[in-house]
Protein backbone atom coordinates (compact mmCIF):
# COMPACT_ATOMS: atom_id res chain seq x y z
CA UNK A 1 0.00 0.00 0.00
CA UNK A 2 2.15 2.86 -1.33
CA UNK A 3 0.09 6.08 -1.40
CA UNK A 4 0.51 8.86 -3.95
CA UNK A 5 0.66 12.34 -2.44
CA UNK A 6 -0.30 15.51 -4.34
CA UNK A 7 0.00 19.01 -2.91
CA UNK A 8 -3.08 21.23 -2.86
CA UNK A 9 -3.43 24.95 -2.12
CA UNK A 10 -3.83 26.10 1.47
CA UNK A 11 -1.40 23.63 3.11
CA UNK A 12 -3.46 20.60 2.13
CA UNK A 13 -2.59 17.39 0.33
CA UNK A 14 -4.52 14.77 -1.60
CA UNK A 15 -3.48 11.17 -0.98
CA UNK A 16 -4.51 8.36 -3.34
CA UNK A 17 -4.34 4.81 -2.02
CA UNK A 18 -4.81 1.38 -3.54
CA UNK A 19 -5.60 -1.36 -1.03
CA UNK A 20 -4.22 -4.73 -2.27
CA UNK A 21 -6.77 -7.40 -3.19
CA UNK A 22 -5.54 -9.68 -0.39
CA UNK A 23 -6.24 -7.01 2.24
CA UNK A 24 -9.67 -6.35 0.78
CA UNK A 25 -10.53 -10.06 0.75
CA UNK A 26 -9.48 -10.44 4.39
CA UNK A 27 -11.68 -7.48 5.36
CA UNK A 28 -14.60 -8.91 3.40
CA UNK A 29 -14.22 -12.29 5.10
CA UNK A 30 -14.13 -10.64 8.53
CA UNK A 31 -17.27 -8.71 7.69
CA UNK A 32 -18.97 -11.89 6.43
CA UNK A 33 -18.15 -13.72 9.67
CA UNK A 34 -19.55 -10.82 11.63
CA UNK A 35 -22.75 -10.81 9.58
CA UNK A 36 -23.05 -14.58 10.05
CA UNK A 37 -23.76 -13.97 13.74
CA UNK A 38 -26.91 -12.09 12.74
CA UNK A 39 -28.18 -14.60 10.16
CA UNK A 40 -29.99 -17.91 10.43
CA UNK A 41 -28.82 -20.15 7.56
CA UNK A 42 -30.17 -23.70 7.15
CA UNK A 43 -27.72 -26.33 8.38
CA UNK A 44 -25.53 -23.92 10.34
CA UNK A 45 -25.56 -22.65 13.88
CA UNK A 46 -25.73 -18.88 14.28
CA UNK A 47 -22.34 -17.39 13.46
CA UNK A 48 -20.91 -20.63 12.00
CA UNK A 49 -21.86 -20.19 8.33
CA UNK A 50 -18.81 -19.92 6.02
CA UNK A 51 -18.03 -16.43 4.61
CA UNK A 52 -18.65 -17.57 1.02
CA UNK A 53 -22.20 -18.64 1.87
CA UNK A 54 -22.88 -15.35 3.68
CA UNK A 55 -21.63 -13.39 0.66
CA UNK A 56 -23.85 -15.48 -1.60
CA UNK A 57 -26.86 -14.92 0.64
CA UNK A 58 -26.40 -11.22 1.41
CA UNK A 59 -24.61 -10.09 -1.72
CA UNK A 60 -21.01 -9.00 -2.23
CA UNK A 61 -21.86 -5.27 -2.28
CA UNK A 62 -23.53 -5.39 1.14
CA UNK A 63 -20.66 -7.35 2.70
CA UNK A 64 -18.13 -5.00 1.08
CA UNK A 65 -19.91 -2.01 2.58
CA UNK A 66 -19.62 -3.57 6.03
CA UNK A 67 -15.97 -4.45 5.36
CA UNK A 68 -15.13 -0.87 4.37
CA UNK A 69 -16.85 0.47 7.47
CA UNK A 70 -14.70 -1.75 9.67
CA UNK A 71 -11.37 -1.65 7.83
CA UNK A 72 -11.18 1.88 6.41
CA UNK A 73 -9.84 3.47 9.63
CA UNK A 74 -6.94 0.98 9.64
CA UNK A 75 -6.28 1.44 5.92
CA UNK A 76 -6.34 5.21 6.37
CA UNK A 77 -3.90 5.07 9.28
CA UNK A 78 -1.50 2.82 7.37
CA UNK A 79 -1.66 5.10 4.34
CA UNK A 80 -1.09 8.18 6.49
CA UNK A 81 1.99 6.63 8.12
CA UNK A 82 3.34 5.54 4.74
CA UNK A 83 2.76 8.94 3.15
CA UNK A 84 5.06 10.73 5.59
CA UNK A 85 2.83 13.80 5.84
CA UNK A 86 2.31 15.66 9.12
CA UNK A 87 -1.51 15.75 9.32
CA UNK A 88 -3.57 18.56 10.82
CA UNK A 89 -7.27 18.02 11.44
CA UNK A 90 -9.64 15.38 10.14
CA UNK A 91 -9.50 13.94 6.62
CA UNK A 92 -12.12 14.00 3.88
CA UNK A 93 -12.24 10.42 2.60
CA UNK A 94 -13.97 9.01 -0.45
CA UNK A 95 -13.93 5.64 -2.19
CA UNK A 96 -12.41 6.03 -5.65
CA UNK A 97 -12.91 2.50 -6.98
CA UNK A 98 -14.69 -0.42 -5.35
CA UNK A 99 -14.18 -4.09 -6.32
CA UNK A 100 -17.09 -5.94 -7.86
CA UNK A 101 -15.97 -9.30 -6.50
CA UNK A 102 -13.23 -11.10 -4.60
CA UNK A 103 -9.64 -10.84 -5.77
CA UNK A 104 -9.84 -7.15 -6.74
CA UNK A 105 -8.15 -4.12 -5.10
CA UNK A 106 -9.96 -1.11 -3.67
CA UNK A 107 -9.02 2.49 -4.25
CA UNK A 108 -9.72 5.42 -1.95
CA UNK A 109 -8.37 8.93 -1.55
CA UNK A 110 -8.40 11.54 1.14
CA UNK A 111 -7.64 15.21 1.57
CA UNK A 112 -6.15 16.52 4.78
CA UNK A 113 -4.43 19.61 6.12
CA UNK A 114 -0.69 19.37 6.68
CA UNK A 115 1.87 21.32 8.64
CA UNK A 116 2.72 24.46 6.66
CA UNK A 117 6.18 25.00 5.21
CA UNK A 118 8.20 27.83 6.73
CA UNK A 119 10.41 30.21 4.79
CA UNK A 120 13.26 30.76 7.23
CA UNK A 121 14.75 34.10 8.13
CA UNK A 122 17.61 34.53 10.58
CA UNK A 123 17.59 31.88 13.28
CA UNK A 124 21.16 32.03 14.58
CA UNK A 125 22.71 34.79 16.62
CA UNK A 126 19.36 36.29 17.61
CA UNK A 127 19.35 38.58 20.64
CA UNK A 128 16.95 37.19 23.22
CA UNK A 129 16.05 38.39 26.69
CA UNK A 130 17.22 36.25 29.59
CA UNK A 131 16.39 36.71 33.26
CA UNK A 132 19.18 36.84 35.82
CA UNK A 133 19.53 33.62 37.86
CA UNK A 134 19.77 35.65 41.07
CA UNK A 135 16.46 35.19 42.92
CA UNK A 136 14.71 38.39 44.07
CA UNK A 137 15.01 39.10 47.79
CA UNK A 138 11.26 38.66 48.18
CA UNK A 139 11.58 35.00 47.08
CA UNK A 140 14.02 34.37 49.91
CA UNK A 141 11.70 36.21 52.30
CA UNK A 142 8.76 34.03 51.23
CA UNK A 143 10.76 30.86 51.85
CA UNK A 144 11.80 32.12 55.29
CA UNK A 145 8.15 32.82 56.07
CA UNK A 146 7.19 29.33 54.91
CA UNK A 147 9.69 27.83 57.36
CA UNK A 148 8.41 30.11 60.12
CA UNK A 149 4.89 28.88 59.43
CA UNK A 150 6.07 25.29 59.88
CA UNK A 151 7.52 26.15 63.30
CA UNK A 152 4.59 28.25 64.49
CA UNK A 153 2.73 27.32 67.67
CA UNK A 154 -1.03 27.42 68.05
CA UNK A 155 -2.69 28.94 71.09
CA UNK A 156 -6.46 28.72 71.81
CA UNK A 157 -8.24 32.11 71.88
CA UNK A 158 -11.73 33.17 72.93
CA UNK A 159 -12.66 35.42 70.02
CA UNK A 160 -14.11 35.30 66.50
CA UNK A 161 -11.89 33.62 63.91
CA UNK A 162 -10.01 35.77 61.40
CA UNK A 163 -7.76 35.02 58.46
CA UNK A 164 -4.66 33.12 59.57
CA UNK A 165 -6.36 31.48 62.52
CA UNK A 166 -6.60 27.69 62.70
CA UNK A 167 -9.96 26.12 63.49
CA UNK A 168 -10.47 22.70 65.05
CA UNK A 169 -13.68 21.48 63.40
CA UNK A 170 -15.99 18.51 62.87
CA UNK A 171 -17.92 18.50 59.60
CA UNK A 172 -20.32 16.35 57.64
CA UNK A 173 -21.49 17.02 54.10
CA UNK A 174 -24.53 15.97 52.10
CA UNK A 175 -25.26 15.96 48.37
CA UNK A 176 -28.95 15.78 47.54
CA UNK A 177 -29.53 14.84 51.17
CA UNK A 178 -27.12 11.89 51.06
CA UNK A 179 -23.71 11.41 52.67
CA UNK A 180 -20.73 10.84 50.35
CA UNK A 181 -17.22 9.44 50.66
CA UNK A 182 -14.77 11.95 52.11
CA UNK A 183 -17.55 14.28 53.23
CA UNK A 184 -17.13 13.68 56.97
CA UNK A 185 -14.26 14.36 59.37
CA UNK A 186 -13.59 14.90 63.06
CA UNK A 187 -10.95 17.12 64.72
CA UNK A 188 -9.93 18.55 61.38
CA UNK A 189 -7.41 21.43 61.53
CA UNK A 190 -8.37 24.17 59.05
CA UNK A 191 -6.44 27.40 58.51
CA UNK A 192 -8.63 30.26 57.35
CA UNK A 193 -7.15 31.60 54.13
CA UNK A 194 -4.96 28.56 53.59
CA UNK A 195 -6.93 27.28 50.60
CA UNK A 196 -6.98 23.76 52.00
CA UNK A 197 -10.59 22.90 51.13
CA UNK A 198 -12.73 23.61 48.08
CA UNK A 199 -13.39 27.27 47.16
CA UNK A 200 -15.99 28.97 49.31
CA UNK A 201 -15.72 26.65 52.32
CA UNK A 202 -13.28 28.60 54.46
CA UNK A 203 -14.81 32.00 53.68
CA UNK A 204 -18.12 30.93 55.26
CA UNK A 205 -16.35 30.18 58.57
CA UNK A 206 -14.82 33.65 58.96
CA UNK A 207 -16.00 35.23 62.22
CA UNK A 208 -17.01 31.89 63.77
CA UNK A 209 -16.35 31.32 67.47
CA UNK A 210 -15.61 28.26 69.58
CA UNK A 211 -18.75 26.15 70.09
CA UNK A 212 -20.58 27.61 67.09
CA UNK A 213 -22.20 25.46 64.40
CA UNK A 214 -22.56 26.75 60.84
CA UNK A 215 -24.09 25.53 57.59
CA UNK A 216 -21.68 25.80 54.66
CA UNK A 217 -22.93 25.56 51.07
CA UNK A 218 -20.40 24.94 48.29
CA UNK A 219 -20.15 23.67 44.71
CA UNK A 220 -17.36 21.27 43.82
CA UNK A 221 -15.18 22.55 40.93
CA UNK A 222 -15.84 20.96 37.50
CA UNK A 223 -12.28 19.60 37.44
CA UNK A 224 -12.39 18.18 40.97
CA UNK A 225 -10.16 15.12 41.36
CA UNK A 226 -13.06 12.93 42.53
CA UNK A 227 -15.03 12.78 39.28
CA UNK A 228 -18.25 11.64 40.98
CA UNK A 229 -18.30 14.92 42.98
CA UNK A 230 -17.20 17.32 40.22
CA UNK A 231 -19.67 20.14 39.64
CA UNK A 232 -22.10 19.03 42.36
CA UNK A 233 -23.63 21.17 45.12
CA UNK A 234 -23.04 20.13 48.74
CA UNK A 235 -24.21 21.32 52.16
CA UNK A 236 -21.88 20.86 55.17
CA UNK A 237 -22.74 21.09 58.84
CA UNK A 238 -19.61 22.42 60.55
CA UNK A 239 -19.03 22.51 64.32
CA UNK A 240 -16.23 24.87 65.40
CA UNK A 241 -14.68 23.21 68.45
CA UNK A 242 -11.82 25.63 68.96
CA UNK A 243 -10.22 28.79 67.50
CA UNK A 244 -6.44 28.87 67.67
CA UNK A 245 -4.13 31.79 66.93
CA UNK A 246 -0.90 31.14 65.09
CA UNK A 247 2.19 32.49 66.92
CA UNK A 248 5.24 32.76 64.67
CA UNK A 249 8.78 32.46 66.09
CA UNK A 250 11.07 35.48 66.13
CA UNK A 251 13.40 35.83 63.14
CA UNK A 252 16.74 35.44 64.85
CA UNK A 253 19.69 33.06 65.15
CA UNK A 254 17.81 30.86 67.62
CA UNK A 255 15.11 30.31 65.01
CA UNK A 256 17.73 29.45 62.35
CA UNK A 257 19.41 26.94 64.68
CA UNK A 258 16.09 25.26 65.48
CA UNK A 259 14.81 25.20 61.90
CA UNK A 260 18.02 24.17 60.08
CA UNK A 261 21.58 22.95 60.42
CA UNK A 262 22.85 26.56 60.39
CA UNK A 263 23.79 28.56 63.47
CA UNK A 264 22.79 32.00 62.20
CA UNK A 265 19.92 33.53 60.26
CA UNK A 266 22.41 34.99 57.77
CA UNK A 267 23.75 31.53 56.92
CA UNK A 268 20.20 30.21 56.52
CA UNK A 269 19.27 33.05 54.17
CA UNK A 270 22.43 32.48 52.10
CA UNK A 271 21.67 28.76 51.74
CA UNK A 272 18.08 29.46 50.73
CA UNK A 273 19.28 32.03 48.20
CA UNK A 274 21.71 29.52 46.68
CA UNK A 275 19.06 26.81 46.31
CA UNK A 276 16.54 29.24 44.85
CA UNK A 277 19.16 30.53 42.42
CA UNK A 278 19.47 27.03 40.97
CA UNK A 279 15.70 26.82 40.49
CA UNK A 280 15.47 30.32 39.03
CA UNK A 281 18.43 29.58 36.76
CA UNK A 282 16.81 26.45 35.33
CA UNK A 283 13.56 28.32 34.77
CA UNK A 284 15.39 31.23 33.15
CA UNK A 285 17.18 28.82 30.81
CA UNK A 286 13.89 27.18 29.79
CA UNK A 287 12.27 30.57 29.19
CA UNK A 288 15.32 31.69 27.20
CA UNK A 289 15.15 28.65 24.94
CA UNK A 290 11.45 29.18 24.30
CA UNK A 291 12.02 32.86 23.62
CA UNK A 292 14.81 32.00 21.16
CA UNK A 293 12.43 29.79 19.19
CA UNK A 294 9.76 32.50 19.23
CA UNK A 295 12.36 34.97 17.90
CA UNK A 296 13.20 32.57 15.06
CA UNK A 297 9.48 32.23 14.29
CA UNK A 298 9.17 36.02 14.18
CA UNK A 299 11.99 36.13 11.60
CA UNK A 300 10.40 33.45 9.43
CA UNK A 301 7.49 33.56 7.03
CA UNK A 302 4.73 30.99 7.52
CA UNK A 303 1.55 31.18 5.48
CA UNK A 304 -1.05 29.68 7.76
CA UNK A 305 -4.64 29.38 6.49
CA UNK A 306 -7.26 30.13 9.11
CA UNK A 307 -8.96 26.78 8.54
CA UNK A 308 -5.70 25.01 9.39
CA UNK A 309 -5.45 26.80 12.74
CA UNK A 310 -9.08 25.90 13.39
CA UNK A 311 -8.36 22.26 12.55
CA UNK A 312 -5.46 22.17 15.04
CA UNK A 313 -7.63 23.87 17.67
CA UNK A 314 -10.25 21.16 17.10
CA UNK A 315 -7.58 18.48 17.53
CA UNK A 316 -6.53 20.04 20.83
CA UNK A 317 -10.10 20.07 22.14
CA UNK A 318 -10.63 16.47 21.03
CA UNK A 319 -7.62 15.58 23.17
CA UNK A 320 -9.23 17.32 26.14
CA UNK A 321 -12.45 15.41 25.46
CA UNK A 322 -10.58 12.10 25.60
CA UNK A 323 -8.95 13.10 28.89
CA UNK A 324 -12.30 14.08 30.40
CA UNK A 325 -13.90 10.84 29.22
CA UNK A 326 -10.98 8.89 30.69
CA UNK A 327 -11.71 10.53 34.05
CA UNK A 328 -15.39 9.65 33.81
CA UNK A 329 -16.57 13.18 33.03
CA UNK A 330 -18.85 14.07 30.15
CA UNK A 331 -17.32 16.75 27.87
CA UNK A 332 -20.81 18.22 27.41
CA UNK A 333 -21.24 18.54 31.18
CA UNK A 334 -17.82 20.18 31.44
CA UNK A 335 -18.74 22.73 28.76
CA UNK A 336 -22.03 23.42 30.50
CA UNK A 337 -20.19 24.15 33.75
CA UNK A 338 -17.86 26.50 31.90
CA UNK A 339 -20.82 28.25 30.29
CA UNK A 340 -19.35 27.76 26.81
CA UNK A 341 -20.08 25.79 23.68
CA UNK A 342 -17.67 23.47 21.93
CA UNK A 343 -17.38 25.98 19.09
CA UNK A 344 -16.51 28.80 21.50
CA UNK A 345 -13.74 26.77 23.17
CA UNK A 346 -12.25 25.87 19.80
CA UNK A 347 -12.42 29.47 18.59
CA UNK A 348 -10.76 30.79 21.76
CA UNK A 349 -7.86 28.35 21.38
CA UNK A 350 -7.20 29.17 17.70
CA UNK A 351 -4.48 31.79 18.35
CA UNK A 352 -2.54 29.33 20.51
CA UNK A 353 -3.07 26.57 17.92
CA UNK A 354 -1.79 28.87 15.17
CA UNK A 355 1.32 29.74 17.20
CA UNK A 356 1.92 26.03 17.81
CA UNK A 357 1.74 25.23 14.10
CA UNK A 358 4.12 28.06 13.24
CA UNK A 359 6.66 26.84 15.79
CA UNK A 360 6.46 23.31 14.38
CA UNK A 361 6.87 24.60 10.82
CA UNK A 362 9.93 26.67 11.71
CA UNK A 363 11.58 23.89 13.71
CA UNK A 364 10.95 21.43 10.87
CA UNK A 365 12.54 23.87 8.41
CA UNK A 366 15.55 24.42 10.68
CA UNK A 367 16.03 20.66 11.08
CA UNK A 368 15.98 20.35 7.29
CA UNK A 369 18.35 23.28 6.76
CA UNK A 370 20.81 21.97 9.34
CA UNK A 371 20.62 18.39 8.04
CA UNK A 372 19.68 17.15 11.50
CA UNK A 373 19.63 13.36 11.74
CA UNK A 374 18.52 11.07 14.54
CA UNK A 375 20.67 8.10 15.49
CA UNK A 376 19.47 4.68 16.57
CA UNK A 377 20.93 5.32 20.02
CA UNK A 378 18.94 8.54 20.39
CA UNK A 379 15.73 6.75 19.42
CA UNK A 380 16.37 4.00 21.95
CA UNK A 381 17.20 6.53 24.69
CA UNK A 382 14.01 8.50 23.98
CA UNK A 383 11.92 5.36 24.49
CA UNK A 384 13.40 4.32 27.84
CA UNK A 385 10.54 5.69 29.96
CA UNK A 386 7.80 4.32 27.67
CA UNK A 387 9.52 0.93 27.50
CA UNK A 388 9.72 0.74 31.29
CA UNK A 389 6.01 1.55 31.51
CA UNK A 390 5.18 -1.19 28.99
CA UNK A 391 7.57 -3.64 30.67
CA UNK A 392 9.76 -4.18 27.64
CA UNK A 393 13.13 -2.98 26.40
CA UNK A 394 13.58 0.26 24.41
CA UNK A 395 15.03 -1.73 21.50
CA UNK A 396 12.01 -4.06 21.34
CA UNK A 397 9.60 -1.15 21.63
CA UNK A 398 11.39 0.68 18.81
CA UNK A 399 11.23 -2.43 16.63
CA UNK A 400 7.48 -2.68 17.21
CA UNK A 401 6.94 0.99 16.45
CA UNK A 402 9.01 0.70 13.30
CA UNK A 403 7.04 -2.32 12.09
CA UNK A 404 3.83 -0.32 12.53
CA UNK A 405 5.30 2.79 10.93
CA UNK A 406 4.95 4.75 14.18
CA UNK A 407 8.60 5.55 14.72
CA UNK A 408 8.38 8.75 12.65
CA UNK A 409 6.67 10.66 15.47
CA UNK A 410 9.49 9.83 17.88
CA UNK A 411 12.08 10.81 15.29
CA UNK A 412 10.37 14.13 14.57
CA UNK A 413 10.18 14.95 18.27
CA UNK A 414 13.93 14.38 18.65
CA UNK A 415 14.69 16.41 15.50
CA UNK A 416 12.61 19.30 16.83
CA UNK A 417 14.41 19.24 20.17
CA UNK A 418 17.76 19.28 18.38
CA UNK A 419 16.55 22.18 16.23
CA UNK A 420 15.68 24.06 19.43
CA UNK A 421 19.26 23.39 20.60
CA UNK A 422 20.61 24.92 17.39
CA UNK A 423 18.59 28.11 17.85
CA UNK A 424 19.09 28.45 21.62
CA UNK A 425 22.82 27.65 21.61
CA UNK A 426 23.45 30.32 18.98
CA UNK A 427 21.20 32.97 20.56
CA UNK A 428 22.79 35.96 22.31
CA UNK A 429 21.30 36.66 25.76
CA UNK A 430 20.49 40.26 26.62
CA UNK A 431 18.93 41.65 29.82
CA UNK A 432 15.25 40.81 30.03
CA UNK A 433 14.39 44.46 30.62
CA UNK A 434 16.15 45.44 27.40
CA UNK A 435 14.26 42.79 25.43
CA UNK A 436 10.93 43.91 26.90
CA UNK A 437 11.72 47.54 26.04
CA UNK A 438 12.42 46.51 22.43
CA UNK A 439 9.02 44.90 22.17
CA UNK A 440 7.39 48.25 22.96
CA UNK A 441 9.28 50.12 20.25
CA UNK A 442 7.30 50.79 17.06
CA UNK A 443 8.83 49.46 13.85
CA UNK A 444 7.63 49.39 10.22
CA UNK A 445 7.46 45.59 10.49
CA UNK A 446 5.04 45.78 13.41
CA UNK A 447 2.94 48.34 11.57
CA UNK A 448 2.80 46.05 8.56
CA UNK A 449 1.84 43.05 10.71
CA UNK A 450 -0.92 44.94 12.50
CA UNK A 451 -2.41 46.63 9.44
CA UNK A 452 -1.70 43.98 6.86
CA UNK A 453 -0.44 46.76 4.54
CA UNK A 454 2.98 47.44 3.10
CA UNK A 455 4.77 50.30 4.85
CA UNK A 456 6.56 52.83 2.70
CA UNK A 457 8.53 55.96 3.65
CA UNK A 458 6.19 58.88 4.08
CA UNK A 459 3.08 56.71 4.41
CA UNK A 460 0.62 57.56 7.21
């Protein structure tokens, strides 16, 4: 099954496929055996009639129609993998030639959007903003405060609870008048303002005093981890048994010695600053690499039809739908909770989908321009985690993917990452503030992008 690919306008291709007669016959026989389970033929138990007799009884055309319905998705996938195109969106498929009997091939063709081709501009030596790895002083202060919180002591008080206080509570919740798993607890410690429970719960306990009982009404978020509770309304009866005030330790050397292996607060702050610098540095490097790619995209030309961006946005939402279904949540219910339609969600995500396609197009063009290849060792290394999950070896997994024609996706992913390396390694870091100031400066290019018109000297 070697497909023929023809380019069409608007980043689309037409793919013509001929399915070998042997594959067609196998699909027809499978369909006939399936139909046999629904027929009563003299001399045969249900489902045991031979395919030839079923075809004779039902007619070849009817069995072929059933065979196409069952086998076309597989034939399409095989043809897509063999064609080497990077598909975007759903295909338009039609049967080009159907066999009239056994021993004949079947022809079909499909049109589908493909990743656009980028015309590269400069992608090496680009000046890109990069944040300093030194963490701001407020980050160190926040970490110090977090440690103080961990070493705070709680003292009972006889007053109304305010933000920061810790309440000792018993609670029991009902949904539609019925108890539910996880809806009841005793001697639960709840910090007002800590965001420990679902939104709206803590706020309704502000001002409560020891010995008071309150009714708390909440709605579980649509993405709540317990799918059976997501989006549902609940009523909790909450008994406040005690209000406790949080007393933080003094910020001094004694605190540092108790909370760490350091003798002084200065040493503790220096250690925290060093550890945070490593985190900030890694994040700055990731942001720098992404910004370098975005700079290369800005220098390139990518003609991206609107319908292609919409197709990618639809693909992205379909992925979300599969995730929701896997968690036992109806996509329609999720949309209803969000107050949006499927079309609105897809439309809102189109700009991000368009940016994603442009990045892919530019990285693919850079990989081509640089002659980036992927070695067998790199493929095997990339599959280590997946192989461990599937309880096999990376080499065996790669062999299986290659037999099914699915290795191309892994190879493309590695090529793209190596293309990112090319751009990022050659980029020249400049202060982030300088890069942000440049973005605010008007240029003829920005005017042209915003207006869609060609700028000329003296034009308004």
